[in-house]
Amino acid sequence: MVRVKLFANFREAAGVKEVEVEAGTVGEVLQELVRRFPKLESLFYEEGRLRDYVNIMVNGRNVRGDLNYPLSHTDEVAIFPPVSGG
């Protein structure tokens, strides 16, 4: 199982901070999350495309643009909105 950590508004919409899913790619992780937590769909996607502000890390590596990025059962995926500060 792939461990997925959700942050900020994604965590609030899902009501959980961490979940395990069965997935072979980053895209499959997102699909499973939307299946389990329908409120995430409008936060992740706009007109069927991943929103620009969705950041995805696999084991600390930014893979945001690659929904076909392959995963193994030991991977950790972190999904979060842009980080801003002042």
PDB file of N, CA and C in Angstrom:
ATOM      1  N   MET A   1       0.842  -1.189   0.000  1.00  0.00           N
ATOM      2  CA  MET A   1       0.000   0.000   0.000  1.00  0.00           C
ATOM      3  C   MET A   1       0.883   1.247   0.000  1.00  0.00           C
ATOM      4  N   VAL A   2       0.440   2.240  -0.741  1.00  0.00           N
ATOM      5  CA  VAL A   2       1.130   3.521  -0.798  1.00  0.00           C
ATOM      6  C   VAL A   2       0.565   4.410   0.306  1.00  0.00           C
ATOM      7  N   ARG A   3       1.448   5.017   1.074  1.00  0.00           N
ATOM      8  CA  ARG A   3       1.000   5.934   2.126  1.00  0.00           C
ATOM      9  C   ARG A   3       0.879   7.329   1.529  1.00  0.00           C
ATOM     10  N   VAL A   4      -0.269   7.971   1.756  1.00  0.00           N
ATOM     11  CA  VAL A   4      -0.540   9.298   1.209  1.00  0.00           C
ATOM     12  C   VAL A   4      -0.790  10.265   2.359  1.00  0.00           C
ATOM     13  N   LYS A   5      -0.071  11.378   2.340  1.00  0.00           N
ATOM     14  CA  LYS A   5      -0.268  12.431   3.332  1.00  0.00           C
ATOM     15  C   LYS A   5      -0.917  13.624   2.640  1.00  0.00           C
ATOM     16  N   LEU A   6      -1.973  14.134   3.248  1.00  0.00           N
ATOM     17  CA  LEU A   6      -2.693  15.291   2.721  1.00  0.00           C
ATOM     18  C   LEU A   6      -2.440  16.491   3.622  1.00  0.00           C
ATOM     19  N   PHE A   7      -2.345  17.667   3.010  1.00  0.00           N
ATOM     20  CA  PHE A   7      -2.046  18.874   3.766  1.00  0.00           C
ATOM     21  C   PHE A   7      -3.053  19.977   3.469  1.00  0.00           C
ATOM     22  N   ALA A   8      -3.183  20.886   4.418  1.00  0.00           N
ATOM     23  CA  ALA A   8      -3.989  22.116   4.306  1.00  0.00           C
ATOM     24  C   ALA A   8      -5.422  21.815   3.883  1.00  0.00           C
ATOM     25  N   ASN A   9      -5.901  22.493   2.840  1.00  0.00           N
ATOM     26  CA  ASN A   9      -7.306  22.336   2.445  1.00  0.00           C
ATOM     27  C   ASN A   9      -7.622  20.928   1.945  1.00  0.00           C
ATOM     28  N   PHE A  10      -6.650  20.193   1.437  1.00  0.00           N
ATOM     29  CA  PHE A  10      -6.892  18.812   1.013  1.00  0.00           C
ATOM     30  C   PHE A  10      -7.195  17.943   2.238  1.00  0.00           C
ATOM     31  N   ARG A  11      -6.456  18.163   3.299  1.00  0.00           N
ATOM     32  CA  ARG A  11      -6.682  17.438   4.550  1.00  0.00           C
ATOM     33  C   ARG A  11      -8.067  17.765   5.104  1.00  0.00           C
ATOM     34  N   GLU A  12      -8.427  19.043   5.072  1.00  0.00           N
ATOM     35  CA  GLU A  12      -9.734  19.463   5.580  1.00  0.00           C
ATOM     36  C   GLU A  12     -10.874  18.831   4.779  1.00  0.00           C
ATOM     37  N   ALA A  13     -10.740  18.800   3.460  1.00  0.00           N
ATOM     38  CA  ALA A  13     -11.797  18.246   2.607  1.00  0.00           C
ATOM     39  C   ALA A  13     -11.961  16.746   2.813  1.00  0.00           C
ATOM     40  N   ALA A  14     -10.847  16.043   3.004  1.00  0.00           N
ATOM     41  CA  ALA A  14     -10.899  14.589   3.185  1.00  0.00           C
ATOM     42  C   ALA A  14     -11.255  14.208   4.620  1.00  0.00           C
ATOM     43  N   GLY A  15     -10.925  15.062   5.550  1.00  0.00           N
ATOM     44  CA  GLY A  15     -11.177  14.748   6.951  1.00  0.00           C
ATOM     45  C   GLY A  15     -10.156  13.806   7.557  1.00  0.00           C
ATOM     46  N   VAL A  16      -9.073  13.565   6.829  1.00  0.00           N
ATOM     47  CA  VAL A  16      -7.977  12.725   7.330  1.00  0.00           C
ATOM     48  C   VAL A  16      -6.655  13.370   6.929  1.00  0.00           C
ATOM     49  N   LYS A  17      -5.608  13.078   7.697  1.00  0.00           N
ATOM     50  CA  LYS A  17      -4.306  13.623   7.323  1.00  0.00           C
ATOM     51  C   LYS A  17      -3.442  12.596   6.599  1.00  0.00           C
ATOM     52  N   GLU A  18      -3.792  11.329   6.746  1.00  0.00           N
ATOM     53  CA  GLU A  18      -3.008  10.272   6.120  1.00  0.00           C
ATOM     54  C   GLU A  18      -3.913   9.096   5.789  1.00  0.00           C
ATOM     55  N   VAL A  19      -3.621   8.442   4.661  1.00  0.00           N
ATOM     56  CA  VAL A  19      -4.413   7.302   4.227  1.00  0.00           C
ATOM     57  C   VAL A  19      -3.508   6.379   3.408  1.00  0.00           C
ATOM     58  N   GLU A  20      -3.831   5.106   3.370  1.00  0.00           N
ATOM     59  CA  GLU A  20      -3.105   4.163   2.526  1.00  0.00           C
ATOM     60  C   GLU A  20      -4.002   3.737   1.381  1.00  0.00           C
ATOM     61  N   VAL A  21      -3.418   3.684   0.179  1.00  0.00           N
ATOM     62  CA  VAL A  21      -4.183   3.293  -1.003  1.00  0.00           C
ATOM     63  C   VAL A  21      -3.389   2.278  -1.814  1.00  0.00           C
ATOM     64  N   GLU A  22      -4.111   1.504  -2.579  1.00  0.00           N
ATOM     65  CA  GLU A  22      -3.514   0.564  -3.518  1.00  0.00           C
ATOM     66  C   GLU A  22      -3.447   1.286  -4.856  1.00  0.00           C
ATOM     67  N   ALA A  23      -2.230   1.587  -5.328  1.00  0.00           N
ATOM     68  CA  ALA A  23      -2.081   2.339  -6.572  1.00  0.00           C
ATOM     69  C   ALA A  23      -0.714   2.068  -7.179  1.00  0.00           C
ATOM     70  N   GLY A  24      -0.669   2.074  -8.510  1.00  0.00           N
ATOM     71  CA  GLY A  24       0.587   1.853  -9.219  1.00  0.00           C
ATOM     72  C   GLY A  24       1.197   3.113  -9.788  1.00  0.00           C
ATOM     73  N   THR A  25       0.403   4.204  -9.843  1.00  0.00           N
ATOM     74  CA  THR A  25       0.894   5.479 -10.359  1.00  0.00           C
ATOM     75  C   THR A  25       0.331   6.622  -9.521  1.00  0.00           C
ATOM     76  N   VAL A  26       0.911   7.791  -9.691  1.00  0.00           N
ATOM     77  CA  VAL A  26       0.403   8.982  -9.004  1.00  0.00           C
ATOM     78  C   VAL A  26      -1.036   9.260  -9.424  1.00  0.00           C
ATOM     79  N   GLY A  27      -1.334   9.103 -10.708  1.00  0.00           N
ATOM     80  CA  GLY A  27      -2.696   9.321 -11.186  1.00  0.00           C
ATOM     81  C   GLY A  27      -3.698   8.393 -10.519  1.00  0.00           C
ATOM     82  N   GLU A  28      -3.312   7.145 -10.306  1.00  0.00           N
ATOM     83  CA  GLU A  28      -4.195   6.197  -9.625  1.00  0.00           C
ATOM     84  C   GLU A  28      -4.411   6.591  -8.170  1.00  0.00           C
ATOM     85  N   VAL A  29      -3.393   7.167  -7.541  1.00  0.00           N
ATOM     86  CA  VAL A  29      -3.555   7.668  -6.168  1.00  0.00           C
ATOM     87  C   VAL A  29      -4.637   8.736  -6.147  1.00  0.00           C
ATOM     88  N   LEU A  30      -4.548   9.704  -7.059  1.00  0.00           N
ATOM     89  CA  LEU A  30      -5.535  10.781  -7.100  1.00  0.00           C
ATOM     90  C   LEU A  30      -6.934  10.238  -7.364  1.00  0.00           C
ATOM     91  N   GLN A  31      -7.055   9.289  -8.288  1.00  0.00           N
ATOM     92  CA  GLN A  31      -8.359   8.693  -8.591  1.00  0.00           C
ATOM     93  C   GLN A  31      -8.949   8.008  -7.360  1.00  0.00           C
ATOM     94  N   GLU A  32      -8.135   7.277  -6.642  1.00  0.00           N
ATOM     95  CA  GLU A  32      -8.616   6.574  -5.448  1.00  0.00           C
ATOM     96  C   GLU A  32      -9.005   7.562  -4.354  1.00  0.00           C
ATOM     97  N   LEU A  33      -8.235   8.626  -4.209  1.00  0.00           N
ATOM     98  CA  LEU A  33      -8.579   9.638  -3.208  1.00  0.00           C
ATOM     99  C   LEU A  33      -9.917  10.295  -3.528  1.00  0.00           C
ATOM    100  N   VAL A  34     -10.144  10.604  -4.793  1.00  0.00           N
ATOM    101  CA  VAL A  34     -11.421  11.211  -5.205  1.00  0.00           C
ATOM    102  C   VAL A  34     -12.565  10.219  -4.999  1.00  0.00           C
ATOM    103  N   ARG A  35     -12.312   8.940  -5.256  1.00  0.00           N
ATOM    104  CA  ARG A  35     -13.345   7.928  -5.038  1.00  0.00           C
ATOM    105  C   ARG A  35     -13.734   7.871  -3.557  1.00  0.00           C
ATOM    106  N   ARG A  36     -12.737   7.890  -2.687  1.00  0.00           N
ATOM    107  CA  ARG A  36     -12.996   7.802  -1.248  1.00  0.00           C
ATOM    108  C   ARG A  36     -13.502   9.114  -0.649  1.00  0.00           C
ATOM    109  N   PHE A  37     -12.988  10.213  -1.187  1.00  0.00           N
ATOM    110  CA  PHE A  37     -13.293  11.541  -0.634  1.00  0.00           C
ATOM    111  C   PHE A  37     -13.738  12.464  -1.768  1.00  0.00           C
ATOM    112  N   PRO A  38     -14.995  12.381  -2.188  1.00  0.00           N
ATOM    113  CA  PRO A  38     -15.476  13.120  -3.360  1.00  0.00           C
ATOM    114  C   PRO A  38     -15.231  14.627  -3.313  1.00  0.00           C
ATOM    115  N   LYS A  39     -15.143  15.210  -2.129  1.00  0.00           N
ATOM    116  CA  LYS A  39     -14.894  16.655  -2.034  1.00  0.00           C
ATOM    117  C   LYS A  39     -13.540  17.046  -2.625  1.00  0.00           C
ATOM    118  N   LEU A  40     -12.625  16.101  -2.742  1.00  0.00           N
ATOM    119  CA  LEU A  40     -11.303  16.404  -3.288  1.00  0.00           C
ATOM    120  C   LEU A  40     -11.329  16.649  -4.796  1.00  0.00           C
ATOM    121  N   GLU A  41     -12.334  16.131  -5.478  1.00  0.00           N
ATOM    122  CA  GLU A  41     -12.344  16.249  -6.940  1.00  0.00           C
ATOM    123  C   GLU A  41     -12.253  17.694  -7.405  1.00  0.00           C
ATOM    124  N   SER A  42     -13.063  18.575  -6.848  1.00  0.00           N
ATOM    125  CA  SER A  42     -13.043  19.974  -7.293  1.00  0.00           C
ATOM    126  C   SER A  42     -11.767  20.695  -6.851  1.00  0.00           C
ATOM    127  N   LEU A  43     -11.102  20.184  -5.838  1.00  0.00           N
ATOM    128  CA  LEU A  43      -9.837  20.781  -5.412  1.00  0.00           C
ATOM    129  C   LEU A  43      -8.670  20.305  -6.271  1.00  0.00           C
ATOM    130  N   PHE A  44      -8.727  19.059  -6.732  1.00  0.00           N
ATOM    131  CA  PHE A  44      -7.656  18.499  -7.554  1.00  0.00           C
ATOM    132  C   PHE A  44      -7.792  18.860  -9.033  1.00  0.00           C
ATOM    133  N   TYR A  45      -9.026  18.865  -9.539  1.00  0.00           N
ATOM    134  CA  TYR A  45      -9.245  18.963 -10.988  1.00  0.00           C
ATOM    135  C   TYR A  45     -10.113  20.149 -11.381  1.00  0.00           C
ATOM    136  N   GLU A  46      -9.843  20.660 -12.584  1.00  0.00           N
ATOM    137  CA  GLU A  46     -10.697  21.662 -13.208  1.00  0.00           C
ATOM    138  C   GLU A  46     -10.848  21.254 -14.665  1.00  0.00           C
ATOM    139  N   GLU A  47     -12.082  21.024 -15.075  1.00  0.00           N
ATOM    140  CA  GLU A  47     -12.387  20.587 -16.443  1.00  0.00           C
ATOM    141  C   GLU A  47     -11.559  19.362 -16.829  1.00  0.00           C
ATOM    142  N   GLY A  48     -11.439  18.422 -15.892  1.00  0.00           N
ATOM    143  CA  GLY A  48     -10.754  17.163 -16.163  1.00  0.00           C
ATOM    144  C   GLY A  48      -9.238  17.216 -16.106  1.00  0.00           C
ATOM    145  N   ARG A  49      -8.677  18.370 -15.833  1.00  0.00           N
ATOM    146  CA  ARG A  49      -7.218  18.512 -15.765  1.00  0.00           C
ATOM    147  C   ARG A  49      -6.794  18.834 -14.340  1.00  0.00           C
ATOM    148  N   LEU A  50      -5.637  18.320 -13.966  1.00  0.00           N
ATOM    149  CA  LEU A  50      -5.101  18.591 -12.640  1.00  0.00           C
ATOM    150  C   LEU A  50      -4.842  20.089 -12.503  1.00  0.00           C
ATOM    151  N   ARG A  51      -5.319  20.660 -11.430  1.00  0.00           N
ATOM    152  CA  ARG A  51      -5.119  22.097 -11.203  1.00  0.00           C
ATOM    153  C   ARG A  51      -3.624  22.397 -11.023  1.00  0.00           C
ATOM    154  N   ASP A  52      -3.224  23.570 -11.509  1.00  0.00           N
ATOM    155  CA  ASP A  52      -1.811  23.960 -11.457  1.00  0.00           C
ATOM    156  C   ASP A  52      -1.262  24.036 -10.041  1.00  0.00           C
ATOM    157  N   TYR A  53      -2.109  24.351  -9.084  1.00  0.00           N
ATOM    158  CA  TYR A  53      -1.606  24.558  -7.724  1.00  0.00           C
ATOM    159  C   TYR A  53      -1.445  23.276  -6.910  1.00  0.00           C
ATOM    160  N   VAL A  54      -1.801  22.128  -7.469  1.00  0.00           N
ATOM    161  CA  VAL A  54      -1.670  20.871  -6.727  1.00  0.00           C
ATOM    162  C   VAL A  54      -0.217  20.394  -6.816  1.00  0.00           C
ATOM    163  N   ASN A  55       0.445  20.346  -5.682  1.00  0.00           N
ATOM    164  CA  ASN A  55       1.832  19.881  -5.615  1.00  0.00           C
ATOM    165  C   ASN A  55       1.857  18.444  -5.115  1.00  0.00           C
ATOM    166  N   ILE A  56       2.645  17.611  -5.801  1.00  0.00           N
ATOM    167  CA  ILE A  56       2.725  16.193  -5.451  1.00  0.00           C
ATOM    168  C   ILE A  56       4.190  15.800  -5.314  1.00  0.00           C
ATOM    169  N   MET A  57       4.504  15.209  -4.183  1.00  0.00           N
ATOM    170  CA  MET A  57       5.857  14.727  -3.924  1.00  0.00           C
ATOM    171  C   MET A  57       5.796  13.221  -3.668  1.00  0.00           C
ATOM    172  N   VAL A  58       6.767  12.500  -4.215  1.00  0.00           N
ATOM    173  CA  VAL A  58       6.916  11.075  -3.923  1.00  0.00           C
ATOM    174  C   VAL A  58       8.281  10.898  -3.275  1.00  0.00           C
ATOM    175  N   ASN A  59       8.268  10.467  -2.041  1.00  0.00           N
ATOM    176  CA  ASN A  59       9.512  10.288  -1.281  1.00  0.00           C
ATOM    177  C   ASN A  59      10.376  11.548  -1.320  1.00  0.00           C
ATOM    178  N   GLY A  60       9.728  12.720  -1.251  1.00  0.00           N
ATOM    179  CA  GLY A  60      10.443  13.990  -1.234  1.00  0.00           C
ATOM    180  C   GLY A  60      10.804  14.551  -2.590  1.00  0.00           C
ATOM    181  N   ARG A  61      10.453  13.853  -3.658  1.00  0.00           N
ATOM    182  CA  ARG A  61      10.765  14.309  -5.018  1.00  0.00           C
ATOM    183  C   ARG A  61       9.510  14.882  -5.659  1.00  0.00           C
ATOM    184  N   ASN A  62       9.628  16.073  -6.255  1.00  0.00           N
ATOM    185  CA  ASN A  62       8.494  16.719  -6.905  1.00  0.00           C
ATOM    186  C   ASN A  62       8.160  15.995  -8.207  1.00  0.00           C
ATOM    187  N   VAL A  63       6.953  15.440  -8.287  1.00  0.00           N
ATOM    188  CA  VAL A  63       6.509  14.738  -9.493  1.00  0.00           C
ATOM    189  C   VAL A  63       5.190  15.316  -9.991  1.00  0.00           C
ATOM    190  N   ARG A  64       4.884  16.535  -9.623  1.00  0.00           N
ATOM    191  CA  ARG A  64       3.611  17.175  -9.882  1.00  0.00           C
ATOM    192  C   ARG A  64       3.087  16.972 -11.300  1.00  0.00           C
ATOM    193  N   GLY A  65       3.914  17.112 -12.291  1.00  0.00           N
ATOM    194  CA  GLY A  65       3.434  17.042 -13.660  1.00  0.00           C
ATOM    195  C   GLY A  65       3.342  15.649 -14.251  1.00  0.00           C
ATOM    196  N   ASP A  66       3.709  14.629 -13.515  1.00  0.00           N
ATOM    197  CA  ASP A  66       3.777  13.274 -14.071  1.00  0.00           C
ATOM    198  C   ASP A  66       2.793  12.340 -13.369  1.00  0.00           C
ATOM    199  N   LEU A  67       1.563  12.312 -13.875  1.00  0.00           N
ATOM    200  CA  LEU A  67       0.549  11.444 -13.277  1.00  0.00           C
ATOM    201  C   LEU A  67       0.827   9.972 -13.544  1.00  0.00           C
ATOM    202  N   ASN A  68       1.711   9.678 -14.498  1.00  0.00           N
ATOM    203  CA  ASN A  68       2.086   8.297 -14.787  1.00  0.00           C
ATOM    204  C   ASN A  68       3.309   7.849 -13.987  1.00  0.00           C
ATOM    205  N   TYR A  69       3.770   8.696 -13.080  1.00  0.00           N
ATOM    206  CA  TYR A  69       4.938   8.354 -12.270  1.00  0.00           C
ATOM    207  C   TYR A  69       4.652   7.054 -11.517  1.00  0.00           C
ATOM    208  N   PRO A  70       5.511   6.037 -11.696  1.00  0.00           N
ATOM    209  CA  PRO A  70       5.250   4.729 -11.073  1.00  0.00           C
ATOM    210  C   PRO A  70       5.526   4.733  -9.572  1.00  0.00           C
ATOM    211  N   LEU A  71       4.722   3.974  -8.856  1.00  0.00           N
ATOM    212  CA  LEU A  71       4.847   3.868  -7.409  1.00  0.00           C
ATOM    213  C   LEU A  71       5.044   2.423  -6.991  1.00  0.00           C
ATOM    214  N   SER A  72       5.722   2.244  -5.864  1.00  0.00           N
ATOM    215  CA  SER A  72       5.818   0.920  -5.252  1.00  0.00           C
ATOM    216  C   SER A  72       5.098   0.967  -3.911  1.00  0.00           C
ATOM    217  N   HIS A  73       4.877  -0.176  -3.330  1.00  0.00           N
ATOM    218  CA  HIS A  73       4.106  -0.251  -2.087  1.00  0.00           C
ATOM    219  C   HIS A  73       4.800   0.416  -0.902  1.00  0.00           C
ATOM    220  N   THR A  74       6.084   0.734  -1.037  1.00  0.00           N
ATOM    221  CA  THR A  74       6.810   1.382   0.058  1.00  0.00           C
ATOM    222  C   THR A  74       6.879   2.899  -0.082  1.00  0.00           C
ATOM    223  N   ASP A  75       6.308   3.449  -1.153  1.00  0.00           N
ATOM    224  CA  ASP A  75       6.402   4.886  -1.406  1.00  0.00           C
ATOM    225  C   ASP A  75       5.476   5.697  -0.510  1.00  0.00           C
ATOM    226  N   GLU A  76       5.889   6.950  -0.304  1.00  0.00           N
ATOM    227  CA  GLU A  76       5.069   7.909   0.431  1.00  0.00           C
ATOM    228  C   GLU A  76       4.786   9.089  -0.497  1.00  0.00           C
ATOM    229  N   VAL A  77       3.513   9.404  -0.649  1.00  0.00           N
ATOM    230  CA  VAL A  77       3.076  10.503  -1.507  1.00  0.00           C
ATOM    231  C   VAL A  77       2.544  11.618  -0.618  1.00  0.00           C
ATOM    232  N   ALA A  78       2.996  12.837  -0.871  1.00  0.00           N
ATOM    233  CA  ALA A  78       2.502  14.010  -0.147  1.00  0.00           C
ATOM    234  C   ALA A  78       1.820  14.925  -1.159  1.00  0.00           C
ATOM    235  N   ILE A  79       0.608  15.372  -0.825  1.00  0.00           N
ATOM    236  CA  ILE A  79      -0.161  16.234  -1.722  1.00  0.00           C
ATOM    237  C   ILE A  79      -0.518  17.501  -0.961  1.00  0.00           C
ATOM    238  N   PHE A  80      -0.126  18.644  -1.529  1.00  0.00           N
ATOM    239  CA  PHE A  80      -0.353  19.902  -0.824  1.00  0.00           C
ATOM    240  C   PHE A  80      -0.499  21.065  -1.795  1.00  0.00           C
ATOM    241  N   PRO A  81      -1.167  22.120  -1.345  1.00  0.00           N
ATOM    242  CA  PRO A  81      -1.294  23.330  -2.152  1.00  0.00           C
ATOM    243  C   PRO A  81       0.008  24.126  -2.081  1.00  0.00           C
ATOM    244  N   PRO A  82       0.104  25.221  -2.828  1.00  0.00           N
ATOM    245  CA  PRO A  82       1.327  26.024  -2.786  1.00  0.00           C
ATOM    246  C   PRO A  82       1.621  26.513  -1.369  1.00  0.00           C
ATOM    247  N   VAL A  83       2.882  26.581  -1.071  1.00  0.00           N
ATOM    248  CA  VAL A  83       3.311  27.095   0.218  1.00  0.00           C
ATOM    249  C   VAL A  83       3.690  28.551   0.018  1.00  0.00           C
ATOM    250  N   SER A  84       3.122  29.407   0.840  1.00  0.00           N
ATOM    251  CA  SER A  84       3.473  30.824   0.734  1.00  0.00           C
ATOM    252  C   SER A  84       3.850  31.341   2.106  1.00  0.00           C
ATOM    253  N   GLY A  85       4.606  32.357   2.093  1.00  0.00           N
ATOM    254  CA  GLY A  85       5.029  32.939   3.358  1.00  0.00           C
ATOM    255  C   GLY A  85       5.295  34.416   3.186  1.00  0.00           C
ATOM    256  N   GLY A  86       5.656  35.027   4.257  1.00  0.00           N
ATOM    257  CA  GLY A  86       5.891  36.457   4.139  1.00  0.00           C
ATOM    258  C   GLY A  86       7.013  36.916   5.001  1.00  0.00           C
TER     259      GLY A  86
END
